[in-house]
Structure formats: structure tokens, C-alpha cells
Amino acid sequence: MAHADLLARHRAVMPRWLALFYDEPIEITSGHGRRVTDGAGRTYLDFFGGILTNAVGYDIPEISDAVRAQVDTGIFHTSTLYLIRQQVELAERIAELSGIPDAKVFFTCSGTEANEAALLLATQYRRSNQVLALRNSYHGRAFATMGVTGNRGWSASSLTPVNVSYVHGGYRYRSPFRDYSDADYIRACVADLRDVITTTTAGDVACLIAEPIQGVGGFAVPPDGLFGAMKEVLDSYGILLVADEVQTGWGRTGEHFWGMQAHDVVPDVMTFAKGLGNGLAIGGVVARADIMDCLTANSISTFGGNPVSTAGARATLEYILDHDLQANAAKLGAKLLAGLRAAQQRHDVVGDVRGKGLMIGVELVRPGGTDPDPRAASLLLEETRSRGLLVGKGGLHGNVIRLAPPMTLTEEEADEGLEVLTASIAAVQAEVSR
């Protein structure tokens, strides 16, 4: 009854478009490690981490202690009109880790804000409002970021301050180039990029903004090297590369600290958020100094980089590095991918299993083909919850289950989650095959 009462109150005062998971939505009231407990007292293994945000898990002493220490000073907020030691120290660390030469950092409160700031910098630096983005992309819910989102399920308006052209490359499973080799796929996408620049723009494009792995788009993974090849074309025009690392950053992909490193390229601008704060509201942009400093008007961020968030984020970042969670993501991600691909061989409701590290997508299709099946994904979401596992859902057609557990996941928990997933896939296969 507690969930039902809260749901009724939610629907009375919150907008209809504010999405909720599950036929009977739940309230999460506490957490520890990789497990959360709902308002009815049921505990779940969490394989979605608040949309990849609780990157280290729940109730982590090192992070909680850092936040408490700042709270105990009595200073939650001062604004960027004053020096903030925690902000400067975190910016120094991120600039160093970014690989971007002569880097500067600006903090925001979310990934949407970070991408808005990146678009502002790129368009001002290049004196152009023309932007390239990928089909099936998602970059946020604000005015410009919605304009560069190539997924109509998350783009509520056609109005935008930027002139956008979309290119191929991010979502291979449904691409017209899907059957090409990696090398041929990259060549086809680069040729498309050249053609789009030549035919749909005036040439003086501000930037290409791209997610190394498309998040909301269903953890779609392009071949390694794609963005490196695209960067050669961009450089010939002076076009900036903006890497949206909001979901892929901080070692989650396992093989690299930043998703874009798989493409052997250093972006001109990089955005981040989500996992850095382990639940605290923080995002930001890191860019070359000449790009970051191109604005001529004054600006501040009232809450971006506040003392509490930056103290917690610094503790989160050091925890990730000190415990080598990137290696853990690589090891346990490989285990999950292998188990899910074995399940795919047994159940043709699974059309594709893809991902890197602890960032895995399971695309559900109508058995016997590749037609997307959003109903199967909804059924799988419910099945896993009934068995004590929380997962995510997304994709262009709403037919992809998204798995992104905290990077502190243990081998035993990976086995537990895999057991639930395989049993749930079998149950969904039986249901859709009736």
C-alpha cells in the first residue's frame, strides 16, 4: 500500500511525461553495496545504478565521510564567485586524467547542462551554429541538447538553437552497413560524414558531438577506431570533436578510462557527469584552454561544483582509481557478456548482446527475425524485478535491456545476476512464443 499511495500522489502532482519503471513502480529507501531496499522492505540486486550514476554502489564509507566532513563545516554552498578549494582540486585531477592538452574544467549539475555548455563553447569558438550528431544519440533534455538528440522518443520539440545534421555510425545492429567488416563499416560511415558535410552544411560546422557508446540508445557500440577516422575528416575542416562521456567515463567500459580512448583519439572537448558523483549532482566540461576561454561575457554556475558535490566526487574518483574498478569492470563485464551470449544462442527473442565492461545492452526482437519487440523488453524488466534484480530499459524502439551495475560488483553478484537474467529471458521467450 505504501507504493500505491505514493504513486497516486506522484501522478497527481508530477508531469505525465516523467517516466516510471514497472507496472507497479517502487520507491527505493535504502542501499548498501550493490543492493537496494524498497518501501515495502524488499531487497534487490541493482544492475542499473540509478542510470549508471551510483558507479561505486551504496553506503561507501570513504565517500560518505568526505561528504560529512564538508557538511560539518556548515558550508553547503558559496557559488563560483568565491574560491572553492574542493572544486579546484577536482578540476586539477580531471584535467590531468582527460588527456586533453592545456585543459580547463567547468562544473555543472548534470550531463544535460554539461552538454549545453559544450555546445555553447563549440558554437562560439567556431562562430557557427551548425552541429553534427549521430543518429540514435541522446545528449540531454534541454533546448540545445534535445536538438542534437537523434532519437525521437526523447526529443519532444523540433525547436532548437542549432542547425543539426545527423550521420551514421553509432547503432550498428540496425545500420544499413551492419553486415560490413569493421574496416568497411568505418569507411562507409566516414564517407557518409564527408557527404553530409558537403551536402547539408555550409562547411563551417562547429562540432561533431558523439557518445562513444550510445546510452539511452541502447548501449549501441560502434567499431573501435570509428571516431579516430572521423576526426581526420573533422580536422580537415577545423570542426571540433565533442565526446559525451556522461555514461561511458570513469572506467566503466573496462578497457579504457574514457570511452573515446577505444578510438585512439583525444577529443577537443569532453563532457562528464553521472558516475563521478556516485549519486551527488555533478557534471562538467573539460576542454582545451583556447576553447574554454573563448566566451567574452561573464558567467557563473550557481550550484555547479559546489563544495559538497565536489568533495564527494573527489572521493568517488579516488576510490575508483585506488581500487582499480576499471579492471573489475573489464573482468566481470566479460563474464556477463559471455553468459548472455550463451543465452542468446538458446533464445531467439534475444537479437543482440553488446557492450563493453559493465555497460551491456540486450536487444529483444520478435522470435525468428530482427523486428524490435518492446513488449518483450517490458516483460523482461518485470521478470527480473520479480526475481530480485533491477535493470534498465531503453533503445530507439524501447526494446533494449540496459545493464550497468556498480563497478564494485563482485563475482558472486555477477553470477547471481546472470542466473536471474537467463531465467527471465527463458520466461519471456516462452511468453512471446505462445
Protein backbone atom coordinates (compact mmCIF):
# COMPACT_ATOMS: atom_id res chain seq x y z
CA MET A 1 0.00 0.00 0.00
CA ALA A 2 2.92 2.37 0.65
CA HIS A 3 3.98 2.22 -3.01
CA ALA A 4 0.39 2.57 -4.27
CA ASP A 5 -0.29 5.63 -2.12
CA LEU A 6 2.93 7.33 -3.17
CA LEU A 7 2.23 6.52 -6.83
CA ALA A 8 -1.20 8.16 -6.63
CA ARG A 9 0.33 11.27 -5.08
CA HIS A 10 3.11 11.26 -7.70
CA ARG A 11 0.60 11.17 -10.55
CA ALA A 12 -1.40 13.99 -9.01
CA VAL A 13 1.47 16.47 -8.83
CA MET A 14 4.18 15.27 -11.26
CA PRO A 15 4.03 15.60 -15.09
CA ARG A 16 2.66 12.71 -17.16
CA TRP A 17 5.84 12.55 -19.21
CA LEU A 18 8.02 11.78 -16.17
CA ALA A 19 8.76 8.12 -16.91
CA LEU A 20 8.48 5.40 -14.27
CA PHE A 21 9.66 1.80 -14.47
CA TYR A 22 7.36 -1.17 -13.76
CA ASP A 23 3.62 -1.77 -13.83
CA GLU A 24 3.74 -1.15 -10.07
CA PRO A 25 6.51 1.44 -9.53
CA ILE A 26 8.68 1.19 -6.44
CA GLU A 27 10.33 3.63 -4.04
CA ILE A 28 13.94 2.86 -3.15
CA THR A 29 14.50 3.74 0.50
CA SER A 30 17.94 2.41 1.42
CA GLY A 31 21.01 0.75 -0.04
CA HIS A 32 24.26 -0.97 0.81
CA GLY A 33 26.93 -2.25 -1.53
CA ARG A 34 25.17 -3.25 -4.72
CA ARG A 35 21.76 -3.84 -3.12
CA VAL A 36 18.82 -1.54 -2.53
CA THR A 37 15.64 -1.94 -0.49
CA ASP A 38 12.22 -0.62 -1.48
CA GLY A 39 9.49 0.94 0.62
CA ALA A 40 7.82 -2.44 1.09
CA GLY A 41 11.01 -3.91 2.56
CA ARG A 42 12.07 -5.98 -0.45
CA THR A 43 15.76 -6.01 -1.34
CA TYR A 44 17.11 -6.13 -4.90
CA LEU A 45 20.48 -6.59 -6.54
CA ASP A 46 20.93 -3.38 -8.55
CA PHE A 47 22.16 -3.78 -12.12
CA PHE A 48 21.31 -0.24 -13.24
CA GLY A 49 22.78 2.01 -10.55
CA GLY A 50 20.42 4.95 -10.92
CA ILE A 51 21.15 5.09 -14.67
CA LEU A 52 24.91 4.45 -14.26
CA THR A 53 25.14 7.14 -11.59
CA ASN A 54 25.80 5.08 -8.47
CA ALA A 55 29.04 3.93 -10.05
CA VAL A 56 30.64 2.73 -6.83
CA GLY A 57 27.48 1.48 -5.12
CA TYR A 58 25.71 2.46 -1.93
CA ASP A 59 26.81 3.41 1.58
CA ILE A 60 30.51 3.68 0.73
CA PRO A 61 32.31 4.99 3.86
CA GLU A 62 35.07 6.86 2.01
CA ILE A 63 32.53 8.86 0.03
CA SER A 64 30.06 9.38 2.88
CA ASP A 65 32.88 10.53 5.18
CA ALA A 66 34.08 13.09 2.63
CA VAL A 67 30.57 14.49 2.29
CA ARG A 68 30.05 14.56 6.09
CA ALA A 69 33.36 16.35 6.60
CA GLN A 70 32.24 19.12 4.26
CA VAL A 71 28.74 19.27 5.74
CA ASP A 72 30.28 19.60 9.20
CA THR A 73 31.94 22.87 8.12
CA GLY A 74 28.47 24.35 7.72
CA ILE A 75 29.24 25.32 4.11
CA PHE A 76 27.00 23.58 1.59
CA HIS A 77 27.30 26.39 -0.93
CA THR A 78 29.25 29.57 -1.66
CA SER A 79 28.90 29.93 -5.50
CA THR A 80 31.67 30.25 -8.03
CA LEU A 81 32.04 33.94 -7.18
CA TYR A 82 34.32 32.67 -4.42
CA LEU A 83 37.25 30.28 -4.50
CA ILE A 84 36.23 26.68 -3.78
CA ARG A 85 39.19 24.52 -2.80
CA GLN A 86 37.42 21.20 -3.46
CA GLN A 87 36.41 22.41 -6.91
CA VAL A 88 39.93 23.43 -7.86
CA GLU A 89 41.42 20.16 -6.61
CA LEU A 90 38.87 18.07 -8.50
CA ALA A 91 39.37 20.15 -11.67
CA GLU A 92 43.13 19.61 -11.48
CA ARG A 93 42.62 15.86 -11.24
CA ILE A 94 40.14 15.69 -14.12
CA ALA A 95 42.26 17.91 -16.36
CA GLU A 96 45.21 15.59 -15.76
CA LEU A 97 43.18 12.44 -16.45
CA SER A 98 41.46 13.84 -19.55
CA GLY A 99 44.50 13.66 -21.82
CA ILE A 100 43.42 16.98 -23.34
CA PRO A 101 46.41 19.34 -23.59
CA ASP A 102 46.30 22.57 -21.57
CA ALA A 103 42.88 21.55 -20.25
CA LYS A 104 40.45 23.65 -18.22
CA VAL A 105 37.30 22.44 -16.45
CA PHE A 106 33.86 23.95 -15.87
CA PHE A 107 31.45 22.23 -13.47
CA THR A 108 27.69 21.92 -13.84
CA CYS A 109 24.96 19.98 -12.01
CA SER A 110 24.11 17.41 -14.71
CA GLY A 111 25.08 15.84 -18.01
CA THR A 112 22.44 17.88 -19.82
CA GLU A 113 24.00 21.10 -18.51
CA ALA A 114 27.46 19.84 -19.40
CA ASN A 115 26.46 19.17 -22.99
CA GLU A 116 24.68 22.53 -23.23
CA ALA A 117 27.89 24.21 -22.09
CA ALA A 118 29.95 22.21 -24.58
CA LEU A 119 27.66 23.24 -27.44
CA LEU A 120 27.89 26.87 -26.32
CA LEU A 121 31.69 26.70 -26.32
CA ALA A 122 31.92 24.95 -29.69
CA THR A 123 29.48 27.22 -31.49
CA GLN A 124 31.08 30.36 -30.03
CA TYR A 125 34.61 29.17 -30.77
CA ARG A 126 33.75 28.29 -34.37
CA ARG A 127 31.26 31.18 -34.81
CA SER A 128 28.75 28.73 -36.29
CA ASN A 129 25.53 27.16 -35.09
CA GLN A 130 25.95 24.12 -37.33
CA VAL A 131 26.41 20.86 -35.43
CA LEU A 132 26.87 17.24 -36.43
CA ALA A 133 25.40 14.47 -34.29
CA LEU A 134 24.83 10.74 -34.61
CA ARG A 135 21.59 9.01 -35.35
CA ASN A 136 20.12 7.26 -32.28
CA SER A 137 22.03 9.61 -29.96
CA TYR A 138 20.91 11.16 -26.68
CA HIS A 139 22.56 14.21 -25.12
CA GLY A 140 20.00 15.65 -22.69
CA ARG A 141 16.62 17.22 -22.14
CA ALA A 142 17.38 20.96 -22.55
CA PHE A 143 16.93 23.17 -25.58
CA ALA A 144 20.17 22.62 -27.50
CA THR A 145 20.84 19.08 -26.23
CA MET A 146 17.38 17.96 -27.24
CA GLY A 147 18.11 19.45 -30.66
CA VAL A 148 21.16 17.18 -31.12
CA THR A 149 19.37 14.08 -29.82
CA GLY A 150 18.86 11.66 -32.70
CA ASN A 151 16.16 9.61 -31.00
CA ARG A 152 12.63 10.94 -31.41
CA GLY A 153 11.43 9.13 -28.29
CA TRP A 154 13.49 11.62 -26.28
CA SER A 155 13.19 14.70 -28.50
CA ALA A 156 9.97 16.45 -27.54
CA SER A 157 10.30 19.50 -29.78
CA SER A 158 11.60 20.37 -33.23
CA LEU A 159 12.66 23.79 -31.98
CA THR A 160 16.40 24.19 -31.43
CA PRO A 161 19.08 26.90 -31.40
CA VAL A 162 21.44 24.77 -33.50
CA ASN A 163 21.33 23.59 -37.10
CA VAL A 164 21.84 19.83 -36.86
CA SER A 165 22.85 17.22 -39.44
CA TYR A 166 22.89 13.55 -38.46
CA VAL A 167 25.47 10.99 -39.53
CA HIS A 168 25.68 7.19 -39.41
CA GLY A 169 27.81 5.13 -37.12
CA GLY A 170 26.64 4.69 -33.54
CA TYR A 171 23.96 1.99 -33.85
CA ARG A 172 25.40 -0.86 -35.86
CA TYR A 173 22.71 -3.52 -35.28
CA ARG A 174 20.14 -1.68 -37.44
CA SER A 175 22.56 0.17 -39.70
CA PRO A 176 22.46 -0.29 -43.50
CA PHE A 177 26.16 -1.15 -43.07
CA ARG A 178 25.58 -3.78 -40.37
CA ASP A 179 26.96 -6.70 -42.40
CA TYR A 180 30.19 -4.94 -43.32
CA SER A 181 33.52 -5.80 -41.73
CA ASP A 182 34.72 -3.35 -39.09
CA ALA A 183 37.07 -1.69 -41.57
CA ASP A 184 34.40 -1.40 -44.27
CA TYR A 185 31.84 -0.17 -41.74
CA ILE A 186 34.20 2.60 -40.67
CA ARG A 187 34.94 3.52 -44.28
CA ALA A 188 31.19 3.71 -45.08
CA CYS A 189 30.47 5.91 -42.05
CA VAL A 190 33.40 8.22 -42.83
CA ALA A 191 32.18 8.53 -46.43
CA ASP A 192 28.72 9.39 -45.08
CA LEU A 193 30.25 12.03 -42.81
CA ARG A 194 32.04 13.65 -45.75
CA ASP A 195 28.86 13.58 -47.80
CA VAL A 196 26.74 15.10 -45.01
CA ILE A 197 29.23 17.93 -44.52
CA THR A 198 29.35 18.58 -48.28
CA THR A 199 25.61 18.42 -48.94
CA THR A 200 23.84 19.63 -45.78
CA THR A 201 26.15 22.25 -44.27
CA ALA A 202 27.95 25.44 -45.24
CA GLY A 203 31.23 23.77 -44.27
CA ASP A 204 31.98 25.88 -41.21
CA VAL A 205 30.47 23.35 -38.79
CA ALA A 206 31.08 23.93 -35.08
CA CYS A 207 31.46 20.35 -33.88
CA LEU A 208 30.52 16.71 -34.00
CA ILE A 209 29.10 15.59 -30.65
CA ALA A 210 29.18 11.85 -30.06
CA GLU A 211 28.75 9.27 -27.31
CA PRO A 212 31.49 6.60 -27.53
CA ILE A 213 28.75 4.10 -26.63
CA GLN A 214 25.18 5.32 -27.07
CA GLY A 215 23.49 5.17 -23.67
CA VAL A 216 19.78 5.86 -23.93
CA GLY A 217 20.07 4.50 -27.48
CA GLY A 218 20.52 1.01 -26.03
CA PHE A 219 24.26 0.74 -25.29
CA ALA A 220 24.98 0.65 -29.02
CA VAL A 221 28.69 0.08 -29.64
CA PRO A 222 30.44 1.18 -32.86
CA PRO A 223 33.66 -0.49 -34.04
CA ASP A 224 36.84 0.69 -32.33
CA GLY A 225 38.57 3.33 -34.42
CA LEU A 226 35.42 4.89 -35.89
CA PHE A 227 35.78 8.27 -34.19
CA GLY A 228 39.51 8.37 -34.83
CA ALA A 229 38.79 8.04 -38.54
CA MET A 230 36.04 10.64 -38.32
CA LYS A 231 38.39 13.03 -36.50
CA GLU A 232 40.68 13.08 -39.54
CA VAL A 233 37.78 14.42 -41.61
CA LEU A 234 36.75 16.87 -38.89
CA ASP A 235 40.30 18.21 -38.59
CA SER A 236 40.44 18.91 -42.32
CA TYR A 237 37.54 21.33 -41.82
CA GLY A 238 38.56 22.64 -38.40
CA ILE A 239 35.48 21.02 -36.86
CA LEU A 240 35.74 20.19 -33.14
CA LEU A 241 35.10 16.73 -31.69
CA VAL A 242 32.98 16.77 -28.51
CA ALA A 243 32.99 13.46 -26.63
CA ASP A 244 29.90 12.92 -24.48
CA GLU A 245 31.38 10.72 -21.73
CA VAL A 246 28.43 11.19 -19.38
CA GLN A 247 27.75 7.45 -19.32
CA THR A 248 31.00 5.91 -20.61
CA GLY A 249 33.51 7.71 -18.40
CA TRP A 250 35.42 6.77 -15.24
CA GLY A 251 36.49 3.28 -16.37
CA ARG A 252 33.06 1.75 -16.85
CA THR A 253 33.90 0.30 -20.27
CA GLY A 254 36.70 -1.71 -18.67
CA GLU A 255 39.31 -1.46 -21.38
CA HIS A 256 39.78 2.32 -21.06
CA PHE A 257 39.14 5.11 -18.55
CA TRP A 258 37.30 7.14 -21.21
CA GLY A 259 35.14 5.53 -23.88
CA MET A 260 36.67 7.65 -26.63
CA GLN A 261 40.11 6.13 -25.97
CA ALA A 262 38.94 2.98 -27.81
CA HIS A 263 39.11 5.10 -30.96
CA ASP A 264 42.71 6.23 -30.45
CA VAL A 265 41.69 9.87 -30.39
CA VAL A 266 41.79 12.78 -27.95
CA PRO A 267 38.67 14.95 -28.25
CA ASP A 268 38.81 18.73 -28.26
CA VAL A 269 36.03 18.89 -25.66
CA MET A 270 34.74 16.24 -23.28
CA THR A 271 31.67 16.21 -21.07
CA PHE A 272 31.10 14.16 -17.92
CA ALA A 273 28.56 13.62 -15.14
CA LYS A 274 26.70 10.64 -13.59
CA GLY A 275 29.24 8.23 -12.11
CA LEU A 276 31.64 10.95 -10.95
CA GLY A 277 29.35 11.93 -8.07
CA ASN A 278 28.13 8.41 -7.17
CA GLY A 279 24.67 9.96 -6.75
CA LEU A 280 25.63 13.55 -6.00
CA ALA A 281 24.55 16.11 -8.60
CA ILE A 282 27.62 16.98 -10.63
CA GLY A 283 28.63 17.28 -14.27
CA GLY A 284 31.08 19.27 -16.28
CA VAL A 285 33.11 20.08 -19.36
CA VAL A 286 36.84 19.70 -19.87
CA ALA A 287 38.33 21.37 -22.94
CA ARG A 288 41.44 22.95 -24.39
CA ALA A 289 42.08 26.30 -22.76
CA ASP A 290 41.61 28.25 -26.00
CA ILE A 291 38.16 26.73 -26.42
CA MET A 292 37.15 27.07 -22.76
CA ASP A 293 38.27 30.69 -22.66
CA CYS A 294 36.56 31.76 -25.91
CA LEU A 295 33.49 33.24 -24.17
CA THR A 296 33.57 37.03 -23.90
CA ALA A 297 30.65 37.56 -21.49
CA ASN A 298 30.67 36.93 -17.76
CA SER A 299 29.21 33.68 -16.47
CA ILE A 300 28.99 31.62 -13.30
CA SER A 301 27.41 28.38 -12.15
CA THR A 302 25.38 28.90 -9.01
CA PHE A 303 25.38 25.27 -7.91
CA GLY A 304 27.86 23.64 -10.31
CA GLY A 305 30.98 22.49 -8.47
CA ASN A 306 29.57 23.27 -5.03
CA PRO A 307 31.69 22.21 -2.04
CA VAL A 308 29.58 19.19 -1.06
CA SER A 309 29.33 17.70 -4.56
CA THR A 310 32.98 18.26 -5.39
CA ALA A 311 34.13 16.79 -2.07
CA GLY A 312 32.07 13.66 -2.71
CA ALA A 313 33.12 13.50 -6.36
CA ARG A 314 36.81 13.72 -5.49
CA ALA A 315 36.37 10.85 -3.01
CA THR A 316 34.49 8.84 -5.66
CA LEU A 317 37.17 9.41 -8.27
CA GLU A 318 39.98 8.40 -5.93
CA TYR A 319 38.02 5.31 -4.84
CA ILE A 320 37.64 4.24 -8.48
CA LEU A 321 41.35 4.69 -9.09
CA ASP A 322 42.61 3.24 -5.79
CA HIS A 323 40.50 0.07 -6.15
CA ASP A 324 41.16 -0.32 -9.90
CA LEU A 325 37.45 -0.58 -10.63
CA GLN A 326 38.20 -0.28 -14.34
CA ALA A 327 39.86 -3.71 -14.21
CA ASN A 328 36.93 -5.10 -12.24
CA ALA A 329 34.53 -3.76 -14.87
CA ALA A 330 36.55 -5.46 -17.61
CA LYS A 331 36.66 -8.82 -15.81
CA LEU A 332 33.04 -9.04 -14.70
CA GLY A 333 31.72 -7.43 -17.86
CA ALA A 334 33.36 -10.20 -19.87
CA LYS A 335 31.69 -12.79 -17.61
CA LEU A 336 28.25 -11.22 -18.08
CA LEU A 337 28.68 -10.82 -21.84
CA ALA A 338 29.72 -14.47 -22.22
CA GLY A 339 26.76 -15.71 -20.19
CA LEU A 340 24.27 -13.53 -22.02
CA ARG A 341 25.61 -14.53 -25.43
CA ALA A 342 25.20 -18.16 -24.43
CA ALA A 343 21.58 -17.38 -23.54
CA GLN A 344 21.18 -15.65 -26.91
CA GLN A 345 22.13 -18.92 -28.64
CA ARG A 346 19.27 -20.68 -26.83
CA HIS A 347 16.61 -17.98 -27.13
CA ASP A 348 15.90 -16.14 -30.38
CA VAL A 349 13.94 -13.44 -28.55
CA VAL A 350 17.43 -12.02 -27.95
CA GLY A 351 18.57 -10.37 -31.17
CA ASP A 352 21.80 -8.80 -29.97
CA VAL A 353 24.05 -8.75 -26.92
CA ARG A 354 26.60 -5.95 -26.97
CA GLY A 355 28.66 -3.73 -24.74
CA LYS A 356 31.96 -3.19 -23.01
CA GLY A 357 32.82 -3.66 -19.37
CA LEU A 358 29.85 -3.10 -17.10
CA MET A 359 27.81 -1.39 -19.81
CA ILE A 360 25.81 -4.08 -21.60
CA GLY A 361 22.75 -4.00 -23.86
CA VAL A 362 20.40 -6.89 -24.60
CA GLU A 363 18.19 -6.15 -27.61
CA LEU A 364 14.88 -8.03 -27.73
CA VAL A 365 13.30 -8.96 -31.06
CA ARG A 366 10.35 -10.93 -32.34
CA PRO A 367 11.50 -14.57 -32.49
CA GLY A 368 12.64 -15.63 -35.93
CA GLY A 369 13.69 -12.18 -37.11
CA THR A 370 15.12 -8.82 -36.14
CA ASP A 371 11.92 -6.77 -35.71
CA PRO A 372 12.17 -4.86 -32.43
CA ASP A 373 9.94 -6.17 -29.61
CA PRO A 374 9.38 -3.53 -26.92
CA ARG A 375 6.79 -5.78 -25.24
CA ALA A 376 9.44 -8.45 -24.69
CA ALA A 377 11.72 -5.85 -23.10
CA SER A 378 8.92 -4.74 -20.77
CA LEU A 379 8.24 -8.36 -19.85
CA LEU A 380 11.92 -8.92 -19.13
CA LEU A 381 12.03 -5.80 -16.96
CA GLU A 382 9.15 -7.19 -14.88
CA GLU A 383 10.56 -10.73 -14.78
CA THR A 384 13.93 -9.61 -13.44
CA ARG A 385 12.30 -7.43 -10.80
CA SER A 386 10.10 -10.32 -9.63
CA ARG A 387 13.30 -12.34 -9.16
CA GLY A 388 15.05 -9.58 -7.19
CA LEU A 389 17.10 -7.83 -9.89
CA LEU A 390 16.79 -4.24 -11.10
CA VAL A 391 17.80 -3.50 -14.70
CA GLY A 392 17.25 -0.63 -17.14
CA LYS A 393 15.40 -0.29 -20.42
CA GLY A 394 15.98 1.92 -23.47
CA GLY A 395 16.87 1.84 -27.13
CA LEU A 396 15.42 3.62 -30.14
CA HIS A 397 12.42 1.28 -30.10
CA GLY A 398 12.26 0.73 -26.33
CA ASN A 399 13.35 -2.88 -26.80
CA VAL A 400 16.78 -2.94 -25.15
CA ILE A 401 17.53 -4.03 -21.61
CA ARG A 402 20.41 -2.00 -20.20
CA LEU A 403 22.77 -3.45 -17.61
CA ALA A 404 25.14 -1.17 -15.71
CA PRO A 405 25.76 -2.41 -12.17
CA PRO A 406 28.05 -0.51 -9.80
CA MET A 407 31.69 -1.11 -10.70
CA THR A 408 32.29 -2.64 -7.27
CA LEU A 409 30.23 -5.67 -8.37
CA THR A 410 31.58 -8.97 -7.02
CA GLU A 411 31.97 -12.23 -8.92
CA GLU A 412 29.27 -13.84 -6.77
CA GLU A 413 26.88 -10.99 -7.55
CA ALA A 414 27.67 -11.25 -11.25
CA ASP A 415 26.79 -14.96 -11.12
CA GLU A 416 23.59 -14.17 -9.21
CA GLY A 417 22.54 -11.51 -11.69
CA LEU A 418 23.36 -13.72 -14.66
CA GLU A 419 21.26 -16.53 -13.22
CA VAL A 420 18.28 -14.20 -12.84
CA LEU A 421 18.75 -12.79 -16.33
CA THR A 422 18.95 -16.18 -18.05
CA ALA A 423 15.89 -17.48 -16.18
CA SER A 424 13.98 -14.30 -17.03
CA ILE A 425 14.96 -14.50 -20.72
CA ALA A 426 13.68 -18.08 -20.83
CA ALA A 427 10.39 -17.00 -19.27
CA VAL A 428 9.99 -14.16 -21.78
CA GLN A 429 10.84 -16.50 -24.68
CA ALA A 430 8.05 -18.83 -23.55
CA GLU A 431 5.58 -15.97 -23.22
CA VAL A 432 6.22 -14.33 -26.60
CA SER A 433 6.32 -17.71 -28.40
CA ARG A 434 2.77 -18.67 -27.38
